Amino acid sequence: MIDILFEDGEALVIDKPSGLSIERPRKGGASLEDHVEQLKMGFQRPPVPVHRLDTDTSGCLLLARNPKALKRFNRAFEERLPQKTYLGLLSGVPAEAEGVIELALAKISSAEKGWRMIPARKGKPSLTHWRLVRALAGGGALVEFKPETGRTHQIRVHAASGLGLPLLGDPIYGDKSSGPRTMLHASALTIPREGKPDIVAEAPMSPDFALLAGETSEAASTEADG
């Protein structure tokens, strides 16, 4: 069962588990499609993801429950209206307490390494605000990220290339063996709406994330609340 963080007639926000792909992987495996019947919740149409989270990333994922809502939410994302908050576990401690990372990103591909995103002058602009939540006993850091743009792998590349500290467990931009997965969690999401209350959702840290962050899941939820 997938936890529902927010629900009304046009939207669901779910707590996507790590390891669950939004689209069915080519090589097979678990995907959001496996949970369609649960997520219909009495509606005839299955809800549709409005944005993307990497398979490893846990946390807040917005689903639209009808085509009109999907169109409105897509427009909101295009206009950068949603407020997205992520928590990441870094391989070291940043030199500063907070800052802004602004790097244009482009996609490259090779037969040896597959595809990845890299900082590139002619790439698409991307911007992320960040702040250090705390240093961890093992030498890493818990960092809060607030991306203004939504480029593919944005936070992962910004951590590795902007801060020089990749996320723990990142197999592309860091060291896969440093964590059980890419340690990134979509902890909060707010979507403003005209004529309706904002969509507001918060997802507690998953157990594997909380363990490395030195938190219980309950305490981690309080930490994410600020």
Protein backbone atom coordinates (compact mmCIF):
# COMPACT_ATOMS: atom_id res chain seq x y z
CA MET A 1 0.00 0.00 0.00
CA ILE A 2 1.16 3.52 -0.80
CA ASP A 3 0.58 6.25 1.78
CA ILE A 4 -1.66 9.13 0.67
CA LEU A 5 -0.41 12.51 1.90
CA PHE A 6 -3.10 14.72 0.32
CA GLU A 7 -6.39 14.00 -1.40
CA ASP A 8 -9.21 15.98 -2.98
CA GLY A 9 -11.32 15.82 -6.14
CA GLU A 10 -8.53 16.82 -8.51
CA ALA A 11 -5.29 15.77 -6.86
CA LEU A 12 -3.46 13.12 -4.89
CA VAL A 13 -0.05 13.50 -3.33
CA ILE A 14 1.48 10.13 -2.53
CA ASP A 15 4.54 9.16 -0.52
CA LYS A 16 6.41 7.34 -3.30
CA PRO A 17 8.59 4.58 -1.89
CA SER A 18 12.21 4.36 -2.94
CA GLY A 19 12.69 1.68 -5.59
CA LEU A 20 9.32 2.30 -7.22
CA SER A 21 9.62 3.52 -10.80
CA ILE A 22 6.99 5.91 -12.14
CA GLU A 23 7.03 4.17 -15.53
CA ARG A 24 7.52 0.45 -16.09
CA PRO A 25 11.28 -0.20 -16.52
CA ARG A 26 12.31 -1.75 -19.84
CA LYS A 27 13.98 -4.60 -18.00
CA GLY A 28 10.85 -5.11 -15.87
CA GLY A 29 10.29 -4.49 -12.19
CA ALA A 30 7.96 -2.60 -9.88
CA SER A 31 6.24 0.56 -11.08
CA LEU A 32 3.44 2.94 -10.14
CA GLU A 33 1.18 1.01 -12.53
CA ASP A 34 1.10 -1.82 -9.99
CA HIS A 35 -0.84 0.45 -7.60
CA VAL A 36 -3.42 1.88 -10.02
CA GLU A 37 -6.43 0.23 -8.42
CA GLN A 38 -5.53 1.50 -4.94
CA LEU A 39 -4.87 5.01 -6.24
CA LYS A 40 -8.16 5.27 -8.16
CA MET A 41 -9.89 5.41 -4.77
CA GLY A 42 -13.33 5.05 -6.29
CA PHE A 43 -12.66 7.22 -9.37
CA GLN A 44 -13.00 5.69 -12.84
CA ARG A 45 -9.84 7.28 -14.21
CA PRO A 46 -6.44 6.32 -12.85
CA PRO A 47 -4.50 9.33 -11.53
CA VAL A 48 -1.59 10.54 -13.67
CA PRO A 49 1.82 11.73 -12.37
CA VAL A 50 2.32 15.45 -12.96
CA HIS A 51 6.08 15.47 -12.44
CA ARG A 52 8.90 12.95 -12.06
CA LEU A 53 10.90 11.49 -9.22
CA ASP A 54 13.85 9.20 -9.88
CA THR A 55 13.25 5.55 -8.98
CA ASP A 56 15.56 5.81 -5.95
CA THR A 57 13.98 9.06 -4.69
CA SER A 58 11.31 8.74 -2.03
CA GLY A 59 8.62 11.21 -1.01
CA CYS A 60 6.01 13.63 -2.35
CA LEU A 61 4.66 12.91 -5.84
CA LEU A 62 1.68 14.84 -7.25
CA LEU A 63 -0.93 12.94 -9.28
CA ALA A 64 -3.77 14.56 -11.24
CA ARG A 65 -7.16 12.84 -11.09
CA ASN A 66 -8.61 14.24 -14.32
CA PRO A 67 -7.36 15.81 -17.60
CA LYS A 68 -8.36 19.38 -16.66
CA ALA A 69 -6.45 19.16 -13.39
CA LEU A 70 -3.43 17.71 -15.21
CA LYS A 71 -3.41 20.65 -17.60
CA ARG A 72 -3.60 23.18 -14.74
CA PHE A 73 -0.87 21.46 -12.77
CA ASN A 74 1.39 21.21 -15.82
CA ARG A 75 0.98 24.95 -16.34
CA ALA A 76 1.80 25.60 -12.69
CA PHE A 77 5.04 23.63 -13.01
CA GLU A 78 5.92 25.45 -16.22
CA GLU A 79 5.46 28.74 -14.36
CA ARG A 80 7.57 27.46 -11.43
CA LEU A 81 4.74 27.97 -8.94
CA PRO A 82 5.14 24.78 -6.88
CA GLN A 83 7.36 24.93 -3.81
CA LYS A 84 9.42 21.74 -3.62
CA THR A 85 11.62 20.75 -0.70
CA TYR A 86 14.08 17.86 -0.77
CA LEU A 87 16.40 16.41 1.83
CA GLY A 88 19.70 14.91 0.73
CA LEU A 89 22.49 13.08 2.50
CA LEU A 90 25.85 14.29 1.21
CA SER A 91 29.22 12.55 1.27
CA GLY A 92 30.78 15.48 3.16
CA VAL A 93 29.97 18.76 4.86
CA PRO A 94 29.62 21.94 2.72
CA ALA A 95 32.02 24.78 3.52
CA GLU A 96 29.11 27.24 3.79
CA ALA A 97 25.86 27.05 5.74
CA GLU A 98 23.62 27.89 2.75
CA GLY A 99 23.73 29.14 -0.79
CA VAL A 100 22.40 29.03 -4.34
CA ILE A 101 23.62 26.73 -7.11
CA GLU A 102 23.05 27.91 -10.67
CA LEU A 103 24.34 25.60 -13.39
CA ALA A 104 23.10 25.07 -16.94
CA LEU A 105 22.64 21.34 -17.54
CA ALA A 106 22.86 19.24 -20.70
CA LYS A 107 22.43 15.54 -21.42
CA ILE A 108 25.30 13.43 -22.75
CA SER A 109 25.41 9.75 -23.63
CA SER A 110 28.12 7.19 -24.24
CA ALA A 111 28.16 3.46 -24.88
CA GLU A 112 30.38 2.89 -21.84
CA LYS A 113 28.59 4.95 -19.20
CA GLY A 114 25.10 5.41 -20.62
CA TRP A 115 23.49 8.83 -20.30
CA ARG A 116 23.97 11.50 -17.65
CA MET A 117 23.50 15.21 -17.09
CA ILE A 118 26.50 17.54 -16.99
CA PRO A 119 27.06 21.26 -16.40
CA ALA A 120 27.28 22.87 -19.84
CA ARG A 121 27.31 26.49 -20.96
CA LYS A 122 24.75 25.77 -23.68
CA GLY A 123 22.56 23.63 -21.44
CA LYS A 124 19.21 24.48 -19.88
CA PRO A 125 19.36 26.84 -16.89
CA SER A 126 18.78 25.31 -13.46
CA LEU A 127 18.73 26.85 -10.01
CA THR A 128 18.64 25.31 -6.53
CA HIS A 129 18.65 26.95 -3.10
CA TRP A 130 20.23 24.89 -0.34
CA ARG A 131 20.99 25.04 3.36
CA LEU A 132 22.91 22.80 5.72
CA VAL A 133 20.56 21.19 8.25
CA ARG A 134 23.39 19.58 10.21
CA ALA A 135 26.65 17.68 9.92
CA LEU A 136 26.42 13.95 10.59
CA ALA A 137 28.55 11.90 12.94
CA GLY A 138 29.97 9.84 10.07
CA GLY A 139 31.34 12.89 8.26
CA GLY A 140 28.46 13.52 5.89
CA ALA A 141 25.71 16.13 6.02
CA LEU A 142 21.94 16.44 5.91
CA VAL A 143 21.09 19.23 3.47
CA GLU A 144 17.79 20.81 2.45
CA PHE A 145 17.35 21.63 -1.24
CA LYS A 146 14.69 23.90 -2.75
CA PRO A 147 14.89 23.73 -6.56
CA GLU A 148 13.30 26.52 -8.59
CA THR A 149 13.64 24.59 -11.84
CA GLY A 150 12.93 20.93 -12.47
CA ARG A 151 15.70 19.61 -14.70
CA THR A 152 16.46 15.90 -14.88
CA HIS A 153 18.84 14.87 -12.06
CA GLN A 154 19.09 18.55 -11.07
CA ILE A 155 19.75 18.13 -7.35
CA ARG A 156 22.08 15.17 -7.93
CA VAL A 157 24.25 17.16 -10.35
CA HIS A 158 24.08 20.33 -8.26
CA ALA A 159 25.27 18.40 -5.20
CA ALA A 160 28.13 16.72 -7.07
CA SER A 161 29.24 19.59 -9.34
CA GLY A 162 27.93 22.66 -7.49
CA LEU A 163 28.86 21.67 -3.94
CA GLY A 164 31.51 19.11 -4.87
CA LEU A 165 29.76 16.64 -2.57
CA PRO A 166 27.65 13.96 -4.29
CA LEU A 167 24.67 12.36 -2.63
CA LEU A 168 25.42 9.17 -0.76
CA GLY A 169 24.75 6.08 -2.86
CA ASP A 170 24.51 7.92 -6.18
CA PRO A 171 25.71 5.45 -8.85
CA ILE A 172 26.13 8.08 -11.59
CA TYR A 173 27.47 11.22 -9.91
CA GLY A 174 29.04 9.72 -6.80
CA ASP A 175 29.92 6.39 -5.20
CA LYS A 176 27.21 3.72 -5.37
CA SER A 177 28.76 1.84 -2.44
CA SER A 178 28.44 4.83 -0.08
CA GLY A 179 24.73 4.25 0.53
CA PRO A 180 21.91 1.75 -0.03
CA ARG A 181 20.51 3.98 -2.79
CA THR A 182 20.73 7.56 -3.99
CA MET A 183 19.88 9.28 -0.70
CA LEU A 184 17.38 11.91 -1.84
CA HIS A 185 13.93 12.46 -0.35
CA ALA A 186 11.13 14.76 -1.57
CA SER A 187 10.05 15.91 1.87
CA ALA A 188 7.46 18.60 1.12
CA LEU A 189 5.37 19.96 -1.73
CA THR A 190 3.06 22.98 -1.92
CA ILE A 191 0.98 23.78 -5.02
CA PRO A 192 -0.90 27.10 -5.11
CA ARG A 193 -4.38 27.00 -6.70
CA GLU A 194 -6.78 29.74 -7.77
CA GLY A 195 -10.05 29.64 -5.86
CA LYS A 196 -9.03 26.60 -3.82
CA PRO A 197 -6.81 25.96 -0.83
CA ASP A 198 -3.19 25.20 -1.63
CA ILE A 199 -2.16 21.59 -1.95
CA VAL A 200 0.19 21.02 0.97
CA ALA A 201 1.90 17.71 1.64
CA GLU A 202 4.80 16.50 3.76
CA ALA A 203 6.45 13.08 3.67
CA PRO A 204 8.41 11.71 6.64
CA MET A 205 11.86 10.29 5.97
CA SER A 206 11.81 6.65 4.92
CA PRO A 207 13.45 4.25 7.42
CA ASP A 208 16.66 3.78 5.40
CA PHE A 209 17.08 7.55 5.00
CA ALA A 210 16.31 8.23 8.66
CA LEU A 211 18.82 5.61 9.77
CA LEU A 212 21.70 7.24 7.87
CA ALA A 213 20.52 10.68 9.00
CA GLY A 214 20.69 9.50 12.60
CA GLU A 215 16.94 9.89 13.13
CA THR A 216 13.95 7.76 13.92
CA SER A 217 11.23 8.18 11.30
CA GLU A 218 9.06 10.11 13.78
CA ALA A 219 11.87 12.46 14.73
CA ALA A 220 12.82 12.86 11.09
CA SER A 221 9.35 14.09 10.26
CA THR A 222 9.71 16.78 12.92
CA GLU A 223 13.14 17.73 11.55
CA ALA A 224 11.74 18.12 8.05
CA ASP A 225 9.02 20.38 9.42
CA GLY A 226 11.77 22.74 10.51
